[in-house]
Amino acid sequence: MARRATRTSRIGHEGQPERGDRALSGHAQIVRTLGEDILAGRYPPGEKLPPEPDLLDRFGVSRTSLREAIKTLTAKGLLIVKTRVGTKVAERVRWNLFDPEVLSWKVRTGMDADFRRHLAEMRRAVEPAAAELAAQHRTDDDVAAMREAVAAMRAETRSEYGFARADLGLHLAIGAASNNPMMRSIASVIETALLEAFTLSPPTRAPELHRETVDAHERIVDRIEAGDGPGAAAAMLAVIDAGFRRVESEHQA
């Protein structure tokens, strides 16, 4: 099976290395590259990784760095190491998709229809509940953080990534305002990984779409500030569903 060449960086649409690629250590580069190879199916479940000498030659790192990377990927559920058998790719059911790195790698390597649906289903289950809790527990500081994020979304009309970060900031502020550390942790994992996905169908491409998207997010904050839990949940669900429909329509076009 042909393998892709090692990459120390990726080139984005503006000709610059993509986010997060510039300062990766040798260990981190191996972890991410092999992780993405596994998630993209270049090393299918049940397949052995290439022998250690081949991997050392590919990445140009020390044996210690490579073995630490294998341990990291094993802890994330992507690999299984057995004496006399070698290192194999684990079955998909073992992959820890709640690991922020694993989820973000999956987003980066390609979101097929099933994965997009699964992610939307998880968001529908978690984020409306977080918004409803935020309406019960929000403080003035929480609301101020949400308003600041909405203002940043409204001000960002050009940069896809800048808008996505502002969007992410709002969702994380809502998770924090829920006053439930477990809910906040789950929401943080989902939203942080979605930072890549948010650029699939950016509202910044059209003024009317941008305005509608920001207004819809602002309605969530209005309901939270008013203490209207069901209204906040409904407004959050509307935002999730609108984004899902927009991305799906583009993939079907």
C-alpha atoms as a PDB file:
ATOM      1  CA  MET A   1       0.000   0.000   0.000  1.00  0.00           C
ATOM      2  CA  ALA A   2       1.404   3.378  -0.947  1.00  0.00           C
ATOM      3  CA  ARG A   3       1.970   5.782   1.883  1.00  0.00           C
ATOM      4  CA  ARG A   4       1.994   9.528   1.710  1.00  0.00           C
ATOM      5  CA  ALA A   5       5.189  11.447   2.341  1.00  0.00           C
ATOM      6  CA  THR A   6       5.798  12.962   5.715  1.00  0.00           C
ATOM      7  CA  ARG A   7       4.570  16.516   6.002  1.00  0.00           C
ATOM      8  CA  THR A   8       5.874  19.081   8.413  1.00  0.00           C
ATOM      9  CA  SER A   9       3.145  21.520   7.462  1.00  0.00           C
ATOM     10  CA  ARG A  10       0.033  21.874   5.351  1.00  0.00           C
ATOM     11  CA  ILE A  11      -0.671  24.706   3.000  1.00  0.00           C
ATOM     12  CA  GLY A  12      -3.989  26.435   3.426  1.00  0.00           C
ATOM     13  CA  HIS A  13      -6.059  28.330   0.893  1.00  0.00           C
ATOM     14  CA  GLU A  14      -4.023  31.473   1.448  1.00  0.00           C
ATOM     15  CA  GLY A  15      -0.690  29.710   0.868  1.00  0.00           C
ATOM     16  CA  GLN A  16       0.220  29.648   4.565  1.00  0.00           C
ATOM     17  CA  PRO A  17       0.748  26.647   6.848  1.00  0.00           C
ATOM     18  CA  GLU A  18      -2.518  25.603   8.397  1.00  0.00           C
ATOM     19  CA  ARG A  19      -3.372  26.349  12.012  1.00  0.00           C
ATOM     20  CA  GLY A  20      -1.436  24.382  14.604  1.00  0.00           C
ATOM     21  CA  ASP A  21       1.172  22.974  12.181  1.00  0.00           C
ATOM     22  CA  ARG A  22       4.014  25.381  12.766  1.00  0.00           C
ATOM     23  CA  ALA A  23       5.319  24.364  16.174  1.00  0.00           C
ATOM     24  CA  LEU A  24       4.707  20.610  16.353  1.00  0.00           C
ATOM     25  CA  SER A  25       7.408  18.554  18.049  1.00  0.00           C
ATOM     26  CA  GLY A  26       8.624  15.349  16.456  1.00  0.00           C
ATOM     27  CA  HIS A  27       6.462  13.355  18.852  1.00  0.00           C
ATOM     28  CA  ALA A  28       3.363  15.453  18.157  1.00  0.00           C
ATOM     29  CA  GLN A  29       3.925  15.272  14.403  1.00  0.00           C
ATOM     30  CA  ILE A  30       4.114  11.472  14.476  1.00  0.00           C
ATOM     31  CA  VAL A  31       1.023  11.230  16.682  1.00  0.00           C
ATOM     32  CA  ARG A  32      -1.057  13.451  14.442  1.00  0.00           C
ATOM     33  CA  THR A  33       0.185  12.068  11.131  1.00  0.00           C
ATOM     34  CA  LEU A  34      -0.360   8.432  12.141  1.00  0.00           C
ATOM     35  CA  GLY A  35      -3.634   9.343  13.834  1.00  0.00           C
ATOM     36  CA  GLU A  36      -4.935  10.984  10.688  1.00  0.00           C
ATOM     37  CA  ASP A  37      -3.676   8.078   8.582  1.00  0.00           C
ATOM     38  CA  ILE A  38      -5.710   5.696  10.743  1.00  0.00           C
ATOM     39  CA  LEU A  39      -8.841   7.824  10.775  1.00  0.00           C
ATOM     40  CA  ALA A  40      -8.647   8.342   7.008  1.00  0.00           C
ATOM     41  CA  GLY A  41      -8.416   4.579   6.460  1.00  0.00           C
ATOM     42  CA  ARG A  42      -4.851   4.539   5.172  1.00  0.00           C
ATOM     43  CA  TYR A  43      -4.173   1.988   7.913  1.00  0.00           C
ATOM     44  CA  PRO A  44      -7.459   0.073   8.232  1.00  0.00           C
ATOM     45  CA  PRO A  45      -8.614  -1.577  11.475  1.00  0.00           C
ATOM     46  CA  GLY A  46      -6.788  -4.853  12.054  1.00  0.00           C
ATOM     47  CA  GLU A  47      -3.828  -3.896   9.858  1.00  0.00           C
ATOM     48  CA  LYS A  48      -0.341  -3.855  11.309  1.00  0.00           C
ATOM     49  CA  LEU A  49       1.662  -0.667  11.246  1.00  0.00           C
ATOM     50  CA  PRO A  50       4.870  -0.827   9.192  1.00  0.00           C
ATOM     51  CA  PRO A  51       7.924  -2.188  11.028  1.00  0.00           C
ATOM     52  CA  GLU A  52       9.673   0.186  13.398  1.00  0.00           C
ATOM     53  CA  PRO A  53      12.701   0.727  11.107  1.00  0.00           C
ATOM     54  CA  ASP A  54      10.368   1.828   8.310  1.00  0.00           C
ATOM     55  CA  LEU A  55       8.594   4.303  10.579  1.00  0.00           C
ATOM     56  CA  LEU A  56      11.897   5.639  11.894  1.00  0.00           C
ATOM     57  CA  ASP A  57      13.040   6.199   8.333  1.00  0.00           C
ATOM     58  CA  ARG A  58       9.756   7.843   7.398  1.00  0.00           C
ATOM     59  CA  PHE A  59       9.670  10.340  10.257  1.00  0.00           C
ATOM     60  CA  GLY A  60      13.385  10.800  10.872  1.00  0.00           C
ATOM     61  CA  VAL A  61      13.012  10.735  14.664  1.00  0.00           C
ATOM     62  CA  SER A  62      14.529   8.795  17.527  1.00  0.00           C
ATOM     63  CA  ARG A  63      13.252   5.384  18.588  1.00  0.00           C
ATOM     64  CA  THR A  64      12.189   6.948  21.884  1.00  0.00           C
ATOM     65  CA  SER A  65      10.021   9.562  20.150  1.00  0.00           C
ATOM     66  CA  LEU A  66       8.394   6.933  17.958  1.00  0.00           C
ATOM     67  CA  ARG A  67       7.626   4.617  20.857  1.00  0.00           C
ATOM     68  CA  GLU A  68       6.166   7.464  22.897  1.00  0.00           C
ATOM     69  CA  ALA A  69       3.947   8.347  19.932  1.00  0.00           C
ATOM     70  CA  ILE A  70       2.747   4.738  19.707  1.00  0.00           C
ATOM     71  CA  LYS A  71       1.920   4.820  23.422  1.00  0.00           C
ATOM     72  CA  THR A  72      -0.057   8.017  22.938  1.00  0.00           C
ATOM     73  CA  LEU A  73      -2.086   6.563  20.072  1.00  0.00           C
ATOM     74  CA  THR A  74      -2.666   3.391  22.069  1.00  0.00           C
ATOM     75  CA  ALA A  75      -4.041   5.453  24.956  1.00  0.00           C
ATOM     76  CA  LYS A  76      -6.417   7.139  22.522  1.00  0.00           C
ATOM     77  CA  GLY A  77      -7.784   3.762  21.487  1.00  0.00           C
ATOM     78  CA  LEU A  78      -6.391   3.837  17.946  1.00  0.00           C
ATOM     79  CA  LEU A  79      -3.688   1.174  18.312  1.00  0.00           C
ATOM     80  CA  ILE A  80      -3.214  -2.149  20.069  1.00  0.00           C
ATOM     81  CA  VAL A  81       0.303  -3.309  20.951  1.00  0.00           C
ATOM     82  CA  LYS A  82       0.828  -7.018  21.602  1.00  0.00           C
ATOM     83  CA  THR A  83       4.029  -8.905  22.292  1.00  0.00           C
ATOM     84  CA  ARG A  84       5.120 -11.094  19.359  1.00  0.00           C
ATOM     85  CA  VAL A  85       2.220  -9.753  17.302  1.00  0.00           C
ATOM     86  CA  GLY A  86       3.218  -6.158  16.770  1.00  0.00           C
ATOM     87  CA  THR A  87       1.226  -2.941  16.623  1.00  0.00           C
ATOM     88  CA  LYS A  88      -2.186  -3.126  14.982  1.00  0.00           C
ATOM     89  CA  VAL A  89      -4.884  -0.574  14.280  1.00  0.00           C
ATOM     90  CA  ALA A  90      -7.743  -1.051  16.727  1.00  0.00           C
ATOM     91  CA  GLU A  91     -11.325  -1.655  15.655  1.00  0.00           C
ATOM     92  CA  ARG A  92     -13.385   1.522  15.254  1.00  0.00           C
ATOM     93  CA  VAL A  93     -15.498   0.787  18.331  1.00  0.00           C
ATOM     94  CA  ARG A  94     -12.367   1.276  20.469  1.00  0.00           C
ATOM     95  CA  TRP A  95     -11.506   4.707  19.068  1.00  0.00           C
ATOM     96  CA  ASN A  96     -11.978   7.449  21.652  1.00  0.00           C
ATOM     97  CA  LEU A  97     -13.839  10.067  19.640  1.00  0.00           C
ATOM     98  CA  PHE A  98     -14.314  12.118  22.800  1.00  0.00           C
ATOM     99  CA  ASP A  99     -10.584  12.739  22.833  1.00  0.00           C
ATOM    100  CA  PRO A 100     -10.283  16.306  21.473  1.00  0.00           C
ATOM    101  CA  GLU A 101      -7.339  15.417  19.236  1.00  0.00           C
ATOM    102  CA  VAL A 102      -8.966  12.300  17.806  1.00  0.00           C
ATOM    103  CA  LEU A 103     -12.170  14.167  17.043  1.00  0.00           C
ATOM    104  CA  SER A 104     -10.326  17.073  15.445  1.00  0.00           C
ATOM    105  CA  TRP A 105      -8.246  14.660  13.326  1.00  0.00           C
ATOM    106  CA  LYS A 106     -11.445  13.022  12.131  1.00  0.00           C
ATOM    107  CA  VAL A 107     -12.824  16.401  11.122  1.00  0.00           C
ATOM    108  CA  ARG A 108      -9.594  17.271   9.289  1.00  0.00           C
ATOM    109  CA  THR A 109      -9.386  13.977   7.390  1.00  0.00           C
ATOM    110  CA  GLY A 110     -12.907  14.196   6.036  1.00  0.00           C
ATOM    111  CA  MET A 111     -16.444  14.202   7.375  1.00  0.00           C
ATOM    112  CA  ASP A 112     -18.545  11.669   5.495  1.00  0.00           C
ATOM    113  CA  ALA A 113     -22.346  11.764   5.655  1.00  0.00           C
ATOM    114  CA  ASP A 114     -22.569   9.329   8.572  1.00  0.00           C
ATOM    115  CA  PHE A 115     -20.007  11.208  10.631  1.00  0.00           C
ATOM    116  CA  ARG A 116     -21.690  14.560   9.979  1.00  0.00           C
ATOM    117  CA  ARG A 117     -25.004  13.069  11.053  1.00  0.00           C
ATOM    118  CA  HIS A 118     -23.541  11.485  14.175  1.00  0.00           C
ATOM    119  CA  LEU A 119     -21.888  14.741  15.177  1.00  0.00           C
ATOM    120  CA  ALA A 120     -25.120  16.683  14.632  1.00  0.00           C
ATOM    121  CA  GLU A 121     -27.012  14.138  16.729  1.00  0.00           C
ATOM    122  CA  MET A 122     -24.517  14.566  19.556  1.00  0.00           C
ATOM    123  CA  ARG A 123     -24.782  18.340  19.347  1.00  0.00           C
ATOM    124  CA  ARG A 124     -28.592  18.152  19.455  1.00  0.00           C
ATOM    125  CA  ALA A 125     -28.381  15.993  22.575  1.00  0.00           C
ATOM    126  CA  VAL A 126     -25.881  18.177  24.443  1.00  0.00           C
ATOM    127  CA  GLU A 127     -25.992  21.818  23.429  1.00  0.00           C
ATOM    128  CA  PRO A 128     -29.713  22.626  23.844  1.00  0.00           C
ATOM    129  CA  ALA A 129     -29.493  21.131  27.340  1.00  0.00           C
ATOM    130  CA  ALA A 130     -26.432  23.296  28.049  1.00  0.00           C
ATOM    131  CA  ALA A 131     -28.322  26.392  26.856  1.00  0.00           C
ATOM    132  CA  GLU A 132     -31.295  25.543  29.072  1.00  0.00           C
ATOM    133  CA  LEU A 133     -29.031  25.118  32.086  1.00  0.00           C
ATOM    134  CA  ALA A 134     -27.253  28.372  31.234  1.00  0.00           C
ATOM    135  CA  ALA A 135     -30.610  30.170  31.377  1.00  0.00           C
ATOM    136  CA  GLN A 136     -31.007  28.898  34.939  1.00  0.00           C
ATOM    137  CA  HIS A 137     -27.519  29.573  36.221  1.00  0.00           C
ATOM    138  CA  ARG A 138     -26.063  32.434  34.143  1.00  0.00           C
ATOM    139  CA  THR A 139     -24.361  35.322  35.893  1.00  0.00           C
ATOM    140  CA  ASP A 140     -23.907  38.851  34.629  1.00  0.00           C
ATOM    141  CA  ASP A 141     -20.330  37.970  33.699  1.00  0.00           C
ATOM    142  CA  ASP A 142     -21.539  34.937  31.745  1.00  0.00           C
ATOM    143  CA  VAL A 143     -23.975  37.052  29.759  1.00  0.00           C
ATOM    144  CA  ALA A 144     -21.302  39.678  29.129  1.00  0.00           C
ATOM    145  CA  ALA A 145     -18.971  36.978  27.733  1.00  0.00           C
ATOM    146  CA  MET A 146     -21.732  35.740  25.435  1.00  0.00           C
ATOM    147  CA  ARG A 147     -22.549  39.249  24.218  1.00  0.00           C
ATOM    148  CA  GLU A 148     -18.874  39.863  23.535  1.00  0.00           C
ATOM    149  CA  ALA A 149     -18.701  36.692  21.431  1.00  0.00           C
ATOM    150  CA  VAL A 150     -21.806  37.669  19.455  1.00  0.00           C
ATOM    151  CA  ALA A 151     -20.319  41.112  18.833  1.00  0.00           C
ATOM    152  CA  ALA A 152     -17.131  39.486  17.549  1.00  0.00           C
ATOM    153  CA  MET A 153     -19.180  37.288  15.209  1.00  0.00           C
ATOM    154  CA  ARG A 154     -21.048  40.307  13.890  1.00  0.00           C
ATOM    155  CA  ALA A 155     -17.835  42.282  13.361  1.00  0.00           C
ATOM    156  CA  GLU A 156     -16.063  39.441  11.527  1.00  0.00           C
ATOM    157  CA  THR A 157     -17.296  39.548   7.937  1.00  0.00           C
ATOM    158  CA  ARG A 158     -14.227  38.326   6.044  1.00  0.00           C
ATOM    159  CA  SER A 159     -12.175  35.706   7.833  1.00  0.00           C
ATOM    160  CA  GLU A 160     -13.717  32.233   7.943  1.00  0.00           C
ATOM    161  CA  TYR A 161     -11.406  31.238  10.765  1.00  0.00           C
ATOM    162  CA  GLY A 162     -11.992  34.458  12.706  1.00  0.00           C
ATOM    163  CA  PHE A 163     -15.753  33.973  12.516  1.00  0.00           C
ATOM    164  CA  ALA A 164     -15.408  30.325  13.536  1.00  0.00           C
ATOM    165  CA  ARG A 165     -13.344  31.278  16.587  1.00  0.00           C
ATOM    166  CA  ALA A 166     -15.935  33.844  17.653  1.00  0.00           C
ATOM    167  CA  ASP A 167     -18.680  31.260  17.134  1.00  0.00           C
ATOM    168  CA  LEU A 168     -16.691  28.778  19.181  1.00  0.00           C
ATOM    169  CA  GLY A 169     -16.222  31.380  21.923  1.00  0.00           C
ATOM    170  CA  LEU A 170     -19.983  31.805  22.228  1.00  0.00           C
ATOM    171  CA  HIS A 171     -20.679  28.088  22.497  1.00  0.00           C
ATOM    172  CA  LEU A 172     -17.932  27.647  25.084  1.00  0.00           C
ATOM    173  CA  ALA A 173     -19.305  30.589  27.097  1.00  0.00           C
ATOM    174  CA  ILE A 174     -22.726  28.933  27.086  1.00  0.00           C
ATOM    175  CA  GLY A 175     -21.178  25.667  28.247  1.00  0.00           C
ATOM    176  CA  ALA A 176     -19.412  27.488  31.070  1.00  0.00           C
ATOM    177  CA  ALA A 177     -22.642  29.248  32.088  1.00  0.00           C
ATOM    178  CA  SER A 178     -24.420  25.896  32.411  1.00  0.00           C
ATOM    179  CA  ASN A 179     -22.635  25.517  35.765  1.00  0.00           C
ATOM    180  CA  ASN A 180     -22.324  21.789  35.107  1.00  0.00           C
ATOM    181  CA  PRO A 181     -18.676  20.720  34.770  1.00  0.00           C
ATOM    182  CA  MET A 182     -19.571  17.464  32.991  1.00  0.00           C
ATOM    183  CA  MET A 183     -21.790  19.259  30.490  1.00  0.00           C
ATOM    184  CA  ARG A 184     -19.131  21.918  30.027  1.00  0.00           C
ATOM    185  CA  SER A 185     -16.443  19.312  29.344  1.00  0.00           C
ATOM    186  CA  ILE A 186     -18.492  17.446  26.744  1.00  0.00           C
ATOM    187  CA  ALA A 187     -19.522  20.662  25.011  1.00  0.00           C
ATOM    188  CA  SER A 188     -15.914  21.883  24.994  1.00  0.00           C
ATOM    189  CA  VAL A 189     -14.681  18.731  23.299  1.00  0.00           C
ATOM    190  CA  ILE A 190     -17.364  18.895  20.610  1.00  0.00           C
ATOM    191  CA  GLU A 191     -16.980  22.597  19.942  1.00  0.00           C
ATOM    192  CA  THR A 192     -13.200  22.644  19.913  1.00  0.00           C
ATOM    193  CA  ALA A 193     -13.166  19.901  17.293  1.00  0.00           C
ATOM    194  CA  LEU A 194     -15.829  21.737  15.321  1.00  0.00           C
ATOM    195  CA  LEU A 195     -13.535  24.724  14.899  1.00  0.00           C
ATOM    196  CA  GLU A 196     -12.287  22.984  11.745  1.00  0.00           C
ATOM    197  CA  ALA A 197     -15.776  21.949  10.646  1.00  0.00           C
ATOM    198  CA  PHE A 198     -17.219  25.451  11.031  1.00  0.00           C
ATOM    199  CA  THR A 199     -15.215  26.549   7.990  1.00  0.00           C
ATOM    200  CA  LEU A 200     -16.952  23.990   5.735  1.00  0.00           C
ATOM    201  CA  SER A 201     -19.858  26.350   5.109  1.00  0.00           C
ATOM    202  CA  PRO A 202     -18.816  29.781   6.404  1.00  0.00           C
ATOM    203  CA  PRO A 203     -21.545  32.418   6.847  1.00  0.00           C
ATOM    204  CA  THR A 204     -18.951  35.074   5.948  1.00  0.00           C
ATOM    205  CA  ARG A 205     -19.365  34.245   2.265  1.00  0.00           C
ATOM    206  CA  ALA A 206     -22.660  36.171   1.949  1.00  0.00           C
ATOM    207  CA  PRO A 207     -23.799  39.279   3.891  1.00  0.00           C
ATOM    208  CA  GLU A 208     -27.392  38.071   4.301  1.00  0.00           C
ATOM    209  CA  LEU A 209     -26.305  34.639   5.507  1.00  0.00           C
ATOM    210  CA  HIS A 210     -23.850  36.260   7.902  1.00  0.00           C
ATOM    211  CA  ARG A 211     -26.538  38.516   9.366  1.00  0.00           C
ATOM    212  CA  GLU A 212     -29.069  35.678   9.709  1.00  0.00           C
ATOM    213  CA  THR A 213     -26.512  33.419  11.379  1.00  0.00           C
ATOM    214  CA  VAL A 214     -25.433  36.034  13.914  1.00  0.00           C
ATOM    215  CA  ASP A 215     -29.044  36.989  14.650  1.00  0.00           C
ATOM    216  CA  ALA A 216     -29.894  33.344  15.299  1.00  0.00           C
ATOM    217  CA  HIS A 217     -27.009  33.039  17.768  1.00  0.00           C
ATOM    218  CA  GLU A 218     -28.018  36.290  19.434  1.00  0.00           C
ATOM    219  CA  ARG A 219     -31.498  34.859  20.047  1.00  0.00           C
ATOM    220  CA  ILE A 220     -29.886  32.114  22.129  1.00  0.00           C
ATOM    221  CA  VAL A 221     -28.224  34.727  24.334  1.00  0.00           C
ATOM    222  CA  ASP A 222     -31.441  36.756  24.589  1.00  0.00           C
ATOM    223  CA  ARG A 223     -33.301  33.710  25.897  1.00  0.00           C
ATOM    224  CA  ILE A 224     -30.500  32.806  28.292  1.00  0.00           C
ATOM    225  CA  GLU A 225     -30.361  36.336  29.684  1.00  0.00           C
ATOM    226  CA  ALA A 226     -34.169  36.305  30.087  1.00  0.00           C
ATOM    227  CA  GLY A 227     -33.981  33.076  32.080  1.00  0.00           C
ATOM    228  CA  ASP A 228     -36.073  31.271  29.456  1.00  0.00           C
ATOM    229  CA  GLY A 229     -34.627  27.747  29.491  1.00  0.00           C
ATOM    230  CA  PRO A 230     -36.966  26.115  26.944  1.00  0.00           C
ATOM    231  CA  GLY A 231     -36.614  29.134  24.655  1.00  0.00           C
ATOM    232  CA  ALA A 232     -32.819  28.998  24.889  1.00  0.00           C
ATOM    233  CA  ALA A 233     -32.846  25.277  24.102  1.00  0.00           C
ATOM    234  CA  ALA A 234     -35.126  25.831  21.098  1.00  0.00           C
ATOM    235  CA  ALA A 235     -32.952  28.669  19.804  1.00  0.00           C
ATOM    236  CA  MET A 236     -29.823  26.517  20.146  1.00  0.00           C
ATOM    237  CA  LEU A 237     -31.479  23.623  18.344  1.00  0.00           C
ATOM    238  CA  ALA A 238     -32.483  25.970  15.508  1.00  0.00           C
ATOM    239  CA  VAL A 239     -28.846  27.086  15.102  1.00  0.00           C
ATOM    240  CA  ILE A 240     -27.544  23.506  15.052  1.00  0.00           C
ATOM    241  CA  ASP A 241     -30.152  22.355  12.541  1.00  0.00           C
ATOM    242  CA  ALA A 242     -29.635  25.366  10.266  1.00  0.00           C
ATOM    243  CA  GLY A 243     -25.898  24.735  10.135  1.00  0.00           C
ATOM    244  CA  PHE A 244     -26.404  21.030   9.493  1.00  0.00           C
ATOM    245  CA  ARG A 245     -28.851  21.660   6.660  1.00  0.00           C
ATOM    246  CA  ARG A 246     -26.509  24.223   5.088  1.00  0.00           C
ATOM    247  CA  VAL A 247     -23.539  21.836   5.072  1.00  0.00           C
ATOM    248  CA  GLU A 248     -25.621  18.909   3.796  1.00  0.00           C
ATOM    249  CA  SER A 249     -27.112  20.944   0.973  1.00  0.00           C
ATOM    250  CA  GLU A 250     -23.625  21.866  -0.213  1.00  0.00           C
ATOM    251  CA  HIS A 251     -22.477  18.240  -0.169  1.00  0.00           C
ATOM    252  CA  GLN A 252     -25.494  17.237  -2.225  1.00  0.00           C
ATOM    253  CA  ALA A 253     -25.046  20.043  -4.766  1.00  0.00           C
END
